[in-house]
Amino acid sequence: MFGITWAGSHQLWYVTALFLITAVRIYKYIRTYRVVQILTTHEHTRALLINYSPTRRLLSMILFFIGTLFVVLALCQPQWHKKEDIVHQQGRDLFIALDISRSMLAADCVPNRLTCAKEKIKQLLKQLSCERVGLIIFSGSTFVQCPLTADYGAFLLFLDQIDAETISSGQTRIDQAIKTAINSFQALSCKHKLLVIVTDGEDFSDDLASVQQQAHDQALHILTLGVGTAIGAPIPCVDELGRVKGHQKDAQGAVVLSRLDAAVLQKIARDSGGSYIPMTDDDTDIKTMVRLVGSYEKNQFEDRSLSRYEEQYPWFIAVSLLCFFIEWFL
């Protein structure tokens, strides 16, 4: 409106209150004016009302209305004159690889490993700052669910899409998750490349040692978050609707127990210069991970140009104060 952007347009409801107050003042003015007209028909009464001026009272009411109106307009944050700001961005690039194999449905974490892992990832995002994050999901095969982004809301949308129906029946291959992260980072110029692997550690990789050497050569630091317990739990079998239909059994008909393999995760982290973090019931694991991520030097991201309108409310306040000042003298 008039080339003005109103950032606080939700405050416009105050205009309604202003018009109500003005209507009351107009009514009072008209009523007083009629009474005065009646009284001034008598010669002595006119002498007593020598300081009364209907013009001055009308002008005072108009100034009050304008002054109050400009206060309301100032609350609506008027803006104009677009300005370009260059924002220098710094942060770290971090891929999170989430295991979606069937063993992640084991219930040694309540309600299951997958749900707990997703909650831990959400807690991690809440405590990170100025980081670009991407999501890789893996089991027998691997793909990038969400590319690197600073939009955590978009990341969480991709994360929430993962549920029991997403679970793969393939055997877990951590080497493929690491290889996907290496390939994703190749197009980027990063001082430090970070990968967080969230898994129970059960691994059937064909070429883990070779891929770990590639990670070391590419300066990819791996943090591993172990999900599950050493005691383990049965692996449930779910139908197409995600309903549990018994438990997985081996060739002899015995129920298969899935256990956390911390040794594998410790070796992966150690060989890449990273750290292994066991999942805890509280947020100790996440605090440790945030501290470790923060220990790596930040990368310089591409500068962004942001357009914004300059705040102009002081002009409206100035007009309002001027009106109230003149009214006070009247």
C-alpha atoms as a PDB file:
ATOM      1  CA  MET A   1       0.000   0.000   0.000  1.00  0.00           C
ATOM      2  CA  PHE A   2       1.505   3.332  -1.212  1.00  0.00           C
ATOM      3  CA  GLY A   3       4.801   1.495  -1.774  1.00  0.00           C
ATOM      4  CA  ILE A   4       4.963   0.670   1.956  1.00  0.00           C
ATOM      5  CA  THR A   5       5.412  -2.829   3.338  1.00  0.00           C
ATOM      6  CA  TRP A   6       3.661  -3.418   6.659  1.00  0.00           C
ATOM      7  CA  ALA A   7       5.615  -6.106   8.515  1.00  0.00           C
ATOM      8  CA  GLY A   8       3.301  -5.949  11.531  1.00  0.00           C
ATOM      9  CA  SER A   9      -0.008  -5.837   9.673  1.00  0.00           C
ATOM     10  CA  HIS A  10      -1.542  -8.082  12.354  1.00  0.00           C
ATOM     11  CA  GLN A  11      -1.560  -4.993  14.589  1.00  0.00           C
ATOM     12  CA  LEU A  12      -4.088  -3.226  12.346  1.00  0.00           C
ATOM     13  CA  TRP A  13      -6.934  -4.316  14.628  1.00  0.00           C
ATOM     14  CA  TYR A  14      -5.925  -1.372  16.850  1.00  0.00           C
ATOM     15  CA  VAL A  15      -7.391   0.900  14.156  1.00  0.00           C
ATOM     16  CA  THR A  16     -10.851  -0.388  15.094  1.00  0.00           C
ATOM     17  CA  ALA A  17     -10.291   0.621  18.713  1.00  0.00           C
ATOM     18  CA  LEU A  18      -9.036   4.022  17.538  1.00  0.00           C
ATOM     19  CA  PHE A  19     -12.213   4.684  15.536  1.00  0.00           C
ATOM     20  CA  LEU A  20     -14.370   3.682  18.513  1.00  0.00           C
ATOM     21  CA  ILE A  21     -12.510   6.122  20.776  1.00  0.00           C
ATOM     22  CA  THR A  22     -12.778   8.837  18.111  1.00  0.00           C
ATOM     23  CA  ALA A  23     -16.522   8.224  17.752  1.00  0.00           C
ATOM     24  CA  VAL A  24     -16.952   8.702  21.511  1.00  0.00           C
ATOM     25  CA  ARG A  25     -14.980  11.974  21.395  1.00  0.00           C
ATOM     26  CA  ILE A  26     -17.041  13.243  18.440  1.00  0.00           C
ATOM     27  CA  TYR A  27     -20.242  12.448  20.328  1.00  0.00           C
ATOM     28  CA  LYS A  28     -18.929  14.258  23.391  1.00  0.00           C
ATOM     29  CA  TYR A  29     -17.885  17.245  21.268  1.00  0.00           C
ATOM     30  CA  ILE A  30     -21.311  17.545  19.596  1.00  0.00           C
ATOM     31  CA  ARG A  31     -23.133  17.189  22.909  1.00  0.00           C
ATOM     32  CA  THR A  32     -20.958  19.840  24.579  1.00  0.00           C
ATOM     33  CA  TYR A  33     -21.368  22.166  21.609  1.00  0.00           C
ATOM     34  CA  ARG A  34     -25.192  21.942  21.779  1.00  0.00           C
ATOM     35  CA  VAL A  35     -25.191  22.613  25.514  1.00  0.00           C
ATOM     36  CA  VAL A  36     -22.961  25.631  25.024  1.00  0.00           C
ATOM     37  CA  GLN A  37     -25.224  26.940  22.260  1.00  0.00           C
ATOM     38  CA  ILE A  38     -28.153  26.805  24.651  1.00  0.00           C
ATOM     39  CA  LEU A  39     -26.232  28.463  27.496  1.00  0.00           C
ATOM     40  CA  THR A  40     -24.764  31.264  25.398  1.00  0.00           C
ATOM     41  CA  THR A  41     -28.235  32.623  24.612  1.00  0.00           C
ATOM     42  CA  HIS A  42     -28.054  34.267  28.025  1.00  0.00           C
ATOM     43  CA  GLU A  43     -25.820  37.306  28.237  1.00  0.00           C
ATOM     44  CA  HIS A  44     -24.212  36.461  31.636  1.00  0.00           C
ATOM     45  CA  THR A  45     -23.503  32.846  30.730  1.00  0.00           C
ATOM     46  CA  ARG A  46     -21.616  33.904  27.569  1.00  0.00           C
ATOM     47  CA  ALA A  47     -19.237  35.914  29.730  1.00  0.00           C
ATOM     48  CA  LEU A  48     -18.517  32.845  31.870  1.00  0.00           C
ATOM     49  CA  LEU A  49     -17.628  30.733  28.780  1.00  0.00           C
ATOM     50  CA  ILE A  50     -15.180  33.247  27.312  1.00  0.00           C
ATOM     51  CA  ASN A  51     -12.365  30.619  27.272  1.00  0.00           C
ATOM     52  CA  TYR A  52     -14.455  28.073  25.431  1.00  0.00           C
ATOM     53  CA  SER A  53     -13.615  27.727  21.716  1.00  0.00           C
ATOM     54  CA  PRO A  54     -15.366  25.091  19.604  1.00  0.00           C
ATOM     55  CA  THR A  55     -12.741  25.527  16.881  1.00  0.00           C
ATOM     56  CA  ARG A  56      -9.912  24.841  19.299  1.00  0.00           C
ATOM     57  CA  ARG A  57     -11.690  21.782  20.713  1.00  0.00           C
ATOM     58  CA  LEU A  58     -12.297  20.464  17.191  1.00  0.00           C
ATOM     59  CA  LEU A  59      -8.641  20.993  16.270  1.00  0.00           C
ATOM     60  CA  SER A  60      -7.571  19.224  19.474  1.00  0.00           C
ATOM     61  CA  MET A  61      -9.748  16.240  18.614  1.00  0.00           C
ATOM     62  CA  ILE A  62      -8.319  16.054  15.084  1.00  0.00           C
ATOM     63  CA  LEU A  63      -4.747  16.210  16.388  1.00  0.00           C
ATOM     64  CA  PHE A  64      -5.497  13.459  18.906  1.00  0.00           C
ATOM     65  CA  PHE A  65      -6.898  11.263  16.145  1.00  0.00           C
ATOM     66  CA  ILE A  66      -3.926  11.822  13.823  1.00  0.00           C
ATOM     67  CA  GLY A  67      -1.399  11.320  16.628  1.00  0.00           C
ATOM     68  CA  THR A  68      -2.995   8.076  17.788  1.00  0.00           C
ATOM     69  CA  LEU A  69      -3.391   6.844  14.206  1.00  0.00           C
ATOM     70  CA  PHE A  70       0.313   7.297  13.549  1.00  0.00           C
ATOM     71  CA  VAL A  71       1.146   5.391  16.746  1.00  0.00           C
ATOM     72  CA  VAL A  72      -0.928   2.467  15.448  1.00  0.00           C
ATOM     73  CA  LEU A  73       0.760   2.705  12.043  1.00  0.00           C
ATOM     74  CA  ALA A  74       4.170   2.681  13.738  1.00  0.00           C
ATOM     75  CA  LEU A  75       3.170  -0.549  15.529  1.00  0.00           C
ATOM     76  CA  CYS A  76       2.484  -2.052  12.095  1.00  0.00           C
ATOM     77  CA  GLN A  77       6.195  -1.655  11.255  1.00  0.00           C
ATOM     78  CA  PRO A  78       6.151   0.393   8.039  1.00  0.00           C
ATOM     79  CA  GLN A  79       9.084  -0.420   5.765  1.00  0.00           C
ATOM     80  CA  TRP A  80      10.399   0.876   2.455  1.00  0.00           C
ATOM     81  CA  HIS A  81      13.702   1.387   0.625  1.00  0.00           C
ATOM     82  CA  LYS A  82      14.913  -2.137  -0.161  1.00  0.00           C
ATOM     83  CA  LYS A  83      18.480  -2.829   0.970  1.00  0.00           C
ATOM     84  CA  GLU A  84      20.798  -5.665  -0.055  1.00  0.00           C
ATOM     85  CA  ASP A  85      22.820  -7.328   2.720  1.00  0.00           C
ATOM     86  CA  ILE A  86      25.648  -9.780   2.116  1.00  0.00           C
ATOM     87  CA  VAL A  87      25.602 -12.610   4.665  1.00  0.00           C
ATOM     88  CA  HIS A  88      28.841 -14.504   5.203  1.00  0.00           C
ATOM     89  CA  GLN A  89      27.954 -18.107   6.022  1.00  0.00           C
ATOM     90  CA  GLN A  90      30.100 -20.473   8.016  1.00  0.00           C
ATOM     91  CA  GLY A  91      29.371 -23.942   9.268  1.00  0.00           C
ATOM     92  CA  ARG A  92      30.093 -27.612   8.872  1.00  0.00           C
ATOM     93  CA  ASP A  93      28.782 -30.151   6.400  1.00  0.00           C
ATOM     94  CA  LEU A  94      27.348 -33.183   8.145  1.00  0.00           C
ATOM     95  CA  PHE A  95      25.708 -36.273   6.688  1.00  0.00           C
ATOM     96  CA  ILE A  96      23.660 -38.519   8.972  1.00  0.00           C
ATOM     97  CA  ALA A  97      23.426 -42.134   7.811  1.00  0.00           C
ATOM     98  CA  LEU A  98      20.472 -43.960   9.364  1.00  0.00           C
ATOM     99  CA  ASP A  99      20.257 -47.758   9.357  1.00  0.00           C
ATOM    100  CA  ILE A 100      16.817 -48.927   8.154  1.00  0.00           C
ATOM    101  CA  SER A 101      17.447 -52.673   8.211  1.00  0.00           C
ATOM    102  CA  ARG A 102      14.910 -54.955   9.903  1.00  0.00           C
ATOM    103  CA  SER A 103      17.097 -55.299  12.994  1.00  0.00           C
ATOM    104  CA  MET A 104      16.307 -51.633  13.725  1.00  0.00           C
ATOM    105  CA  LEU A 105      12.783 -52.734  14.675  1.00  0.00           C
ATOM    106  CA  ALA A 106      14.121 -54.700  17.646  1.00  0.00           C
ATOM    107  CA  ALA A 107      12.497 -53.533  20.871  1.00  0.00           C
ATOM    108  CA  ASP A 108      15.476 -53.404  23.236  1.00  0.00           C
ATOM    109  CA  CYS A 109      14.943 -49.619  22.945  1.00  0.00           C
ATOM    110  CA  VAL A 110      11.415 -48.435  23.655  1.00  0.00           C
ATOM    111  CA  PRO A 111       9.415 -48.611  21.440  1.00  0.00           C
ATOM    112  CA  ASN A 112      12.115 -49.792  18.994  1.00  0.00           C
ATOM    113  CA  ARG A 113      15.581 -48.898  17.785  1.00  0.00           C
ATOM    114  CA  LEU A 114      14.428 -46.991  14.713  1.00  0.00           C
ATOM    115  CA  THR A 115      12.080 -44.697  16.620  1.00  0.00           C
ATOM    116  CA  CYS A 116      14.720 -43.999  19.270  1.00  0.00           C
ATOM    117  CA  ALA A 117      17.312 -43.310  16.585  1.00  0.00           C
ATOM    118  CA  LYS A 118      15.024 -40.794  14.877  1.00  0.00           C
ATOM    119  CA  GLU A 119      14.388 -39.026  18.183  1.00  0.00           C
ATOM    120  CA  LYS A 120      18.130 -38.813  18.822  1.00  0.00           C
ATOM    121  CA  ILE A 121      18.665 -37.290  15.376  1.00  0.00           C
ATOM    122  CA  LYS A 122      15.973 -34.685  16.102  1.00  0.00           C
ATOM    123  CA  GLN A 123      17.642 -33.834  19.412  1.00  0.00           C
ATOM    124  CA  LEU A 124      20.946 -33.464  17.590  1.00  0.00           C
ATOM    125  CA  LEU A 125      19.475 -31.003  15.105  1.00  0.00           C
ATOM    126  CA  LYS A 126      18.002 -28.892  17.898  1.00  0.00           C
ATOM    127  CA  GLN A 127      21.447 -28.401  19.409  1.00  0.00           C
ATOM    128  CA  LEU A 128      23.400 -27.847  16.198  1.00  0.00           C
ATOM    129  CA  SER A 129      23.978 -24.334  14.890  1.00  0.00           C
ATOM    130  CA  CYS A 130      25.039 -23.089  11.450  1.00  0.00           C
ATOM    131  CA  GLU A 131      25.459 -26.613  10.096  1.00  0.00           C
ATOM    132  CA  ARG A 132      24.290 -28.070   6.799  1.00  0.00           C
ATOM    133  CA  VAL A 133      22.923 -31.572   7.273  1.00  0.00           C
ATOM    134  CA  GLY A 134      21.987 -34.340   4.868  1.00  0.00           C
ATOM    135  CA  LEU A 135      20.271 -37.682   5.405  1.00  0.00           C
ATOM    136  CA  ILE A 136      21.418 -41.029   4.035  1.00  0.00           C
ATOM    137  CA  ILE A 137      19.389 -44.166   4.653  1.00  0.00           C
ATOM    138  CA  PHE A 138      20.941 -47.572   4.196  1.00  0.00           C
ATOM    139  CA  SER A 139      20.537 -51.305   4.636  1.00  0.00           C
ATOM    140  CA  GLY A 140      21.417 -53.611   1.739  1.00  0.00           C
ATOM    141  CA  SER A 141      21.209 -50.606  -0.587  1.00  0.00           C
ATOM    142  CA  THR A 142      21.829 -46.940   0.101  1.00  0.00           C
ATOM    143  CA  PHE A 143      20.490 -43.617  -1.161  1.00  0.00           C
ATOM    144  CA  VAL A 144      20.469 -39.961  -0.161  1.00  0.00           C
ATOM    145  CA  GLN A 145      17.086 -39.236   1.400  1.00  0.00           C
ATOM    146  CA  CYS A 146      17.854 -35.527   1.873  1.00  0.00           C
ATOM    147  CA  PRO A 147      20.817 -33.634   0.336  1.00  0.00           C
ATOM    148  CA  LEU A 148      22.863 -31.202   2.417  1.00  0.00           C
ATOM    149  CA  THR A 149      20.649 -28.344   3.552  1.00  0.00           C
ATOM    150  CA  ALA A 150      20.477 -25.659   6.217  1.00  0.00           C
ATOM    151  CA  ASP A 151      16.686 -25.999   6.216  1.00  0.00           C
ATOM    152  CA  TYR A 152      16.173 -28.247   9.235  1.00  0.00           C
ATOM    153  CA  GLY A 153      12.422 -28.216   8.689  1.00  0.00           C
ATOM    154  CA  ALA A 154      12.848 -29.871   5.281  1.00  0.00           C
ATOM    155  CA  PHE A 155      15.311 -32.365   6.772  1.00  0.00           C
ATOM    156  CA  LEU A 156      12.812 -33.345   9.466  1.00  0.00           C
ATOM    157  CA  LEU A 157      10.099 -33.873   6.842  1.00  0.00           C
ATOM    158  CA  PHE A 158      12.323 -36.430   5.106  1.00  0.00           C
ATOM    159  CA  LEU A 159      13.205 -38.017   8.454  1.00  0.00           C
ATOM    160  CA  ASP A 160       9.562 -38.352   9.491  1.00  0.00           C
ATOM    161  CA  GLN A 161       8.761 -40.218   6.271  1.00  0.00           C
ATOM    162  CA  ILE A 162      10.883 -43.116   7.514  1.00  0.00           C
ATOM    163  CA  ASP A 163       8.791 -45.677   9.381  1.00  0.00           C
ATOM    164  CA  ALA A 164       8.291 -49.423   9.648  1.00  0.00           C
ATOM    165  CA  GLU A 165       7.054 -49.557   6.045  1.00  0.00           C
ATOM    166  CA  THR A 166      10.366 -48.095   4.854  1.00  0.00           C
ATOM    167  CA  ILE A 167      12.335 -50.895   6.482  1.00  0.00           C
ATOM    168  CA  SER A 168      14.403 -52.910   4.024  1.00  0.00           C
ATOM    169  CA  SER A 169      14.702 -56.675   4.151  1.00  0.00           C
ATOM    170  CA  GLY A 170      18.295 -56.526   2.907  1.00  0.00           C
ATOM    171  CA  GLN A 171      21.308 -57.119   5.130  1.00  0.00           C
ATOM    172  CA  THR A 172      23.057 -54.058   6.540  1.00  0.00           C
ATOM    173  CA  ARG A 173      26.060 -52.803   4.559  1.00  0.00           C
ATOM    174  CA  ILE A 174      27.775 -49.939   6.336  1.00  0.00           C
ATOM    175  CA  ASP A 175      30.452 -49.738   3.622  1.00  0.00           C
ATOM    176  CA  GLN A 176      27.798 -48.570   1.128  1.00  0.00           C
ATOM    177  CA  ALA A 177      26.653 -45.804   3.480  1.00  0.00           C
ATOM    178  CA  ILE A 178      30.241 -44.558   3.835  1.00  0.00           C
ATOM    179  CA  LYS A 179      30.806 -44.767   0.079  1.00  0.00           C
ATOM    180  CA  THR A 180      27.638 -42.742  -0.594  1.00  0.00           C
ATOM    181  CA  ALA A 181      28.843 -40.058   1.819  1.00  0.00           C
ATOM    182  CA  ILE A 182      32.268 -39.958   0.114  1.00  0.00           C
ATOM    183  CA  ASN A 183      30.646 -39.540  -3.313  1.00  0.00           C
ATOM    184  CA  SER A 184      28.300 -36.821  -2.003  1.00  0.00           C
ATOM    185  CA  PHE A 185      31.203 -34.842  -0.540  1.00  0.00           C
ATOM    186  CA  GLN A 186      33.355 -35.030  -3.685  1.00  0.00           C
ATOM    187  CA  ALA A 187      31.505 -32.142  -5.331  1.00  0.00           C
ATOM    188  CA  LEU A 188      32.105 -29.928  -2.295  1.00  0.00           C
ATOM    189  CA  SER A 189      35.219 -28.095  -1.131  1.00  0.00           C
ATOM    190  CA  CYS A 190      35.212 -28.757   2.608  1.00  0.00           C
ATOM    191  CA  LYS A 191      37.975 -28.516   5.154  1.00  0.00           C
ATOM    192  CA  HIS A 192      36.295 -31.188   7.223  1.00  0.00           C
ATOM    193  CA  LYS A 193      33.743 -33.761   6.115  1.00  0.00           C
ATOM    194  CA  LEU A 194      31.625 -35.326   8.829  1.00  0.00           C
ATOM    195  CA  LEU A 195      29.487 -38.435   8.778  1.00  0.00           C
ATOM    196  CA  VAL A 196      27.342 -39.692  11.654  1.00  0.00           C
ATOM    197  CA  ILE A 197      26.334 -43.346  11.316  1.00  0.00           C
ATOM    198  CA  VAL A 198      23.319 -44.317  13.422  1.00  0.00           C
ATOM    199  CA  THR A 199      23.081 -48.107  13.542  1.00  0.00           C
ATOM    200  CA  ASP A 200      23.085 -51.185  15.759  1.00  0.00           C
ATOM    201  CA  GLY A 201      26.404 -52.268  14.259  1.00  0.00           C
ATOM    202  CA  GLU A 202      25.257 -55.506  12.636  1.00  0.00           C
ATOM    203  CA  ASP A 203      27.177 -55.432   9.378  1.00  0.00           C
ATOM    204  CA  PHE A 204      27.480 -57.631   6.286  1.00  0.00           C
ATOM    205  CA  SER A 205      29.761 -55.375   4.242  1.00  0.00           C
ATOM    206  CA  ASP A 206      31.855 -56.859   1.449  1.00  0.00           C
ATOM    207  CA  ASP A 207      34.526 -54.177   1.303  1.00  0.00           C
ATOM    208  CA  LEU A 208      34.483 -52.245   4.576  1.00  0.00           C
ATOM    209  CA  ALA A 209      38.268 -52.057   5.002  1.00  0.00           C
ATOM    210  CA  SER A 210      38.797 -50.608   1.513  1.00  0.00           C
ATOM    211  CA  VAL A 211      35.997 -48.063   1.943  1.00  0.00           C
ATOM    212  CA  GLN A 212      37.394 -47.012   5.319  1.00  0.00           C
ATOM    213  CA  GLN A 213      40.739 -46.354   3.649  1.00  0.00           C
ATOM    214  CA  GLN A 214      38.948 -44.175   1.084  1.00  0.00           C
ATOM    215  CA  ALA A 215      37.266 -42.287   3.915  1.00  0.00           C
ATOM    216  CA  HIS A 216      40.644 -41.718   5.547  1.00  0.00           C
ATOM    217  CA  ASP A 217      42.156 -40.508   2.257  1.00  0.00           C
ATOM    218  CA  GLN A 218      39.210 -38.144   1.694  1.00  0.00           C
ATOM    219  CA  ALA A 219      39.489 -36.753   5.269  1.00  0.00           C
ATOM    220  CA  LEU A 220      36.015 -38.016   6.103  1.00  0.00           C
ATOM    221  CA  HIS A 221      35.619 -38.158   9.875  1.00  0.00           C
ATOM    222  CA  ILE A 222      33.038 -40.673  11.049  1.00  0.00           C
ATOM    223  CA  LEU A 223      31.097 -40.521  14.304  1.00  0.00           C
ATOM    224  CA  THR A 224      29.155 -43.667  15.138  1.00  0.00           C
ATOM    225  CA  LEU A 225      26.092 -43.762  17.373  1.00  0.00           C
ATOM    226  CA  GLY A 226      25.376 -47.254  18.653  1.00  0.00           C
ATOM    227  CA  VAL A 227      21.667 -48.095  18.910  1.00  0.00           C
ATOM    228  CA  GLY A 228      20.495 -51.062  20.967  1.00  0.00           C
ATOM    229  CA  THR A 229      21.884 -53.154  23.810  1.00  0.00           C
ATOM    230  CA  ALA A 230      24.414 -55.951  24.211  1.00  0.00           C
ATOM    231  CA  ILE A 231      21.601 -58.206  25.519  1.00  0.00           C
ATOM    232  CA  GLY A 232      19.666 -57.709  22.308  1.00  0.00           C
ATOM    233  CA  ALA A 233      16.083 -58.438  21.303  1.00  0.00           C
ATOM    234  CA  PRO A 234      14.207 -60.501  18.679  1.00  0.00           C
ATOM    235  CA  ILE A 235      13.778 -59.044  15.208  1.00  0.00           C
ATOM    236  CA  PRO A 236      10.049 -58.642  14.514  1.00  0.00           C
ATOM    237  CA  CYS A 237       8.552 -59.537  11.161  1.00  0.00           C
ATOM    238  CA  VAL A 238       6.120 -56.904   9.929  1.00  0.00           C
ATOM    239  CA  ASP A 239       3.533 -56.976   7.175  1.00  0.00           C
ATOM    240  CA  GLU A 240       2.903 -54.337   4.509  1.00  0.00           C
ATOM    241  CA  LEU A 241       0.949 -52.250   7.022  1.00  0.00           C
ATOM    242  CA  GLY A 242       3.755 -52.304   9.589  1.00  0.00           C
ATOM    243  CA  ARG A 243       2.018 -54.780  11.909  1.00  0.00           C
ATOM    244  CA  VAL A 244       4.147 -57.323  13.763  1.00  0.00           C
ATOM    245  CA  LYS A 245       3.598 -60.891  12.530  1.00  0.00           C
ATOM    246  CA  GLY A 246       5.935 -62.975  14.681  1.00  0.00           C
ATOM    247  CA  HIS A 247       9.727 -62.822  14.848  1.00  0.00           C
ATOM    248  CA  GLN A 248      12.553 -63.714  12.511  1.00  0.00           C
ATOM    249  CA  LYS A 249      13.914 -67.268  12.939  1.00  0.00           C
ATOM    250  CA  ASP A 250      17.034 -69.036  11.777  1.00  0.00           C
ATOM    251  CA  ALA A 251      17.244 -72.271   9.756  1.00  0.00           C
ATOM    252  CA  GLN A 252      16.738 -74.358  12.921  1.00  0.00           C
ATOM    253  CA  GLY A 253      13.569 -72.466  13.814  1.00  0.00           C
ATOM    254  CA  ALA A 254      15.098 -70.550  16.740  1.00  0.00           C
ATOM    255  CA  VAL A 255      14.215 -66.883  17.220  1.00  0.00           C
ATOM    256  CA  VAL A 256      17.066 -64.640  16.047  1.00  0.00           C
ATOM    257  CA  LEU A 257      18.368 -62.117  18.556  1.00  0.00           C
ATOM    258  CA  SER A 258      19.864 -58.864  17.312  1.00  0.00           C
ATOM    259  CA  ARG A 259      22.557 -57.330  19.529  1.00  0.00           C
ATOM    260  CA  LEU A 260      24.468 -54.070  19.454  1.00  0.00           C
ATOM    261  CA  ASP A 261      27.912 -54.696  17.930  1.00  0.00           C
ATOM    262  CA  ALA A 262      29.897 -51.881  19.540  1.00  0.00           C
ATOM    263  CA  ALA A 263      33.261 -53.313  18.440  1.00  0.00           C
ATOM    264  CA  VAL A 264      32.515 -52.757  14.750  1.00  0.00           C
ATOM    265  CA  LEU A 265      31.359 -49.186  15.343  1.00  0.00           C
ATOM    266  CA  GLN A 266      34.360 -48.399  17.517  1.00  0.00           C
ATOM    267  CA  LYS A 267      36.749 -49.596  14.816  1.00  0.00           C
ATOM    268  CA  ILE A 268      34.992 -47.615  12.069  1.00  0.00           C
ATOM    269  CA  ALA A 269      35.154 -44.440  14.155  1.00  0.00           C
ATOM    270  CA  ARG A 270      38.728 -44.991  15.303  1.00  0.00           C
ATOM    271  CA  ASP A 271      40.100 -45.685  11.815  1.00  0.00           C
ATOM    272  CA  SER A 272      38.580 -42.469  10.435  1.00  0.00           C
ATOM    273  CA  GLY A 273      39.707 -40.225  13.279  1.00  0.00           C
ATOM    274  CA  GLY A 274      36.198 -40.002  14.692  1.00  0.00           C
ATOM    275  CA  SER A 275      34.532 -41.275  17.855  1.00  0.00           C
ATOM    276  CA  TYR A 276      32.088 -43.955  18.935  1.00  0.00           C
ATOM    277  CA  ILE A 277      29.163 -42.853  21.116  1.00  0.00           C
ATOM    278  CA  PRO A 278      26.782 -45.378  22.714  1.00  0.00           C
ATOM    279  CA  MET A 279      23.157 -44.253  22.817  1.00  0.00           C
ATOM    280  CA  THR A 280      21.975 -43.305  26.330  1.00  0.00           C
ATOM    281  CA  ASP A 281      18.559 -42.857  27.928  1.00  0.00           C
ATOM    282  CA  ASP A 282      19.290 -39.177  28.611  1.00  0.00           C
ATOM    283  CA  ASP A 283      20.856 -36.560  26.327  1.00  0.00           C
ATOM    284  CA  THR A 284      24.457 -37.277  27.336  1.00  0.00           C
ATOM    285  CA  ASP A 285      25.162 -38.936  23.982  1.00  0.00           C
ATOM    286  CA  ILE A 286      23.806 -35.963  22.020  1.00  0.00           C
ATOM    287  CA  LYS A 287      25.768 -33.443  24.086  1.00  0.00           C
ATOM    288  CA  THR A 288      28.912 -35.453  23.443  1.00  0.00           C
ATOM    289  CA  MET A 289      28.202 -35.553  19.719  1.00  0.00           C
ATOM    290  CA  VAL A 290      27.489 -31.804  19.548  1.00  0.00           C
ATOM    291  CA  ARG A 291      30.772 -31.140  21.339  1.00  0.00           C
ATOM    292  CA  LEU A 292      32.662 -33.390  18.922  1.00  0.00           C
ATOM    293  CA  VAL A 293      31.049 -31.792  15.859  1.00  0.00           C
ATOM    294  CA  GLY A 294      31.878 -28.363  17.272  1.00  0.00           C
ATOM    295  CA  SER A 295      35.536 -29.319  17.623  1.00  0.00           C
ATOM    296  CA  TYR A 296      35.970 -29.385  13.836  1.00  0.00           C
ATOM    297  CA  GLU A 297      36.789 -26.190  11.994  1.00  0.00           C
ATOM    298  CA  LYS A 298      33.960 -24.499  10.154  1.00  0.00           C
ATOM    299  CA  ASN A 299      33.793 -24.307   6.368  1.00  0.00           C
ATOM    300  CA  GLN A 300      33.188 -21.065   4.513  1.00  0.00           C
ATOM    301  CA  PHE A 301      29.926 -21.426   2.614  1.00  0.00           C
ATOM    302  CA  GLU A 302      28.919 -19.352  -0.374  1.00  0.00           C
ATOM    303  CA  ASP A 303      27.903 -15.806   0.602  1.00  0.00           C
ATOM    304  CA  ARG A 304      24.215 -15.065   0.359  1.00  0.00           C
ATOM    305  CA  SER A 305      22.568 -11.812  -0.654  1.00  0.00           C
ATOM    306  CA  LEU A 306      19.490 -11.019   1.413  1.00  0.00           C
ATOM    307  CA  SER A 307      17.021  -8.288   0.528  1.00  0.00           C
ATOM    308  CA  ARG A 308      15.269  -6.420   3.286  1.00  0.00           C
ATOM    309  CA  TYR A 309      13.260  -3.237   3.695  1.00  0.00           C
ATOM    310  CA  GLU A 310      14.438  -0.592   6.129  1.00  0.00           C
ATOM    311  CA  GLU A 311      12.290   0.134   9.184  1.00  0.00           C
ATOM    312  CA  GLN A 312      10.614   3.569   8.903  1.00  0.00           C
ATOM    313  CA  TYR A 313       8.491   3.641  12.055  1.00  0.00           C
ATOM    314  CA  PRO A 314      10.516   6.550  13.637  1.00  0.00           C
ATOM    315  CA  TRP A 315       8.948   8.931  11.093  1.00  0.00           C
ATOM    316  CA  PHE A 316       5.465   7.892  12.217  1.00  0.00           C
ATOM    317  CA  ILE A 317       6.425   8.287  15.871  1.00  0.00           C
ATOM    318  CA  ALA A 318       7.757  11.773  15.102  1.00  0.00           C
ATOM    319  CA  VAL A 319       4.459  12.813  13.494  1.00  0.00           C
ATOM    320  CA  SER A 320       2.550  11.387  16.437  1.00  0.00           C
ATOM    321  CA  LEU A 321       4.662  13.259  19.018  1.00  0.00           C
ATOM    322  CA  LEU A 322       4.275  16.501  17.075  1.00  0.00           C
ATOM    323  CA  CYS A 323       0.488  16.150  17.064  1.00  0.00           C
ATOM    324  CA  PHE A 324       0.351  15.403  20.803  1.00  0.00           C
ATOM    325  CA  PHE A 325       2.694  18.340  21.516  1.00  0.00           C
ATOM    326  CA  ILE A 326       0.488  20.825  19.616  1.00  0.00           C
ATOM    327  CA  GLU A 327      -2.656  19.387  21.241  1.00  0.00           C
ATOM    328  CA  TRP A 328      -1.115  19.879  24.701  1.00  0.00           C
ATOM    329  CA  PHE A 329      -0.668  23.619  24.007  1.00  0.00           C
ATOM    330  CA  LEU A 330      -4.233  23.928  22.845  1.00  0.00           C
END
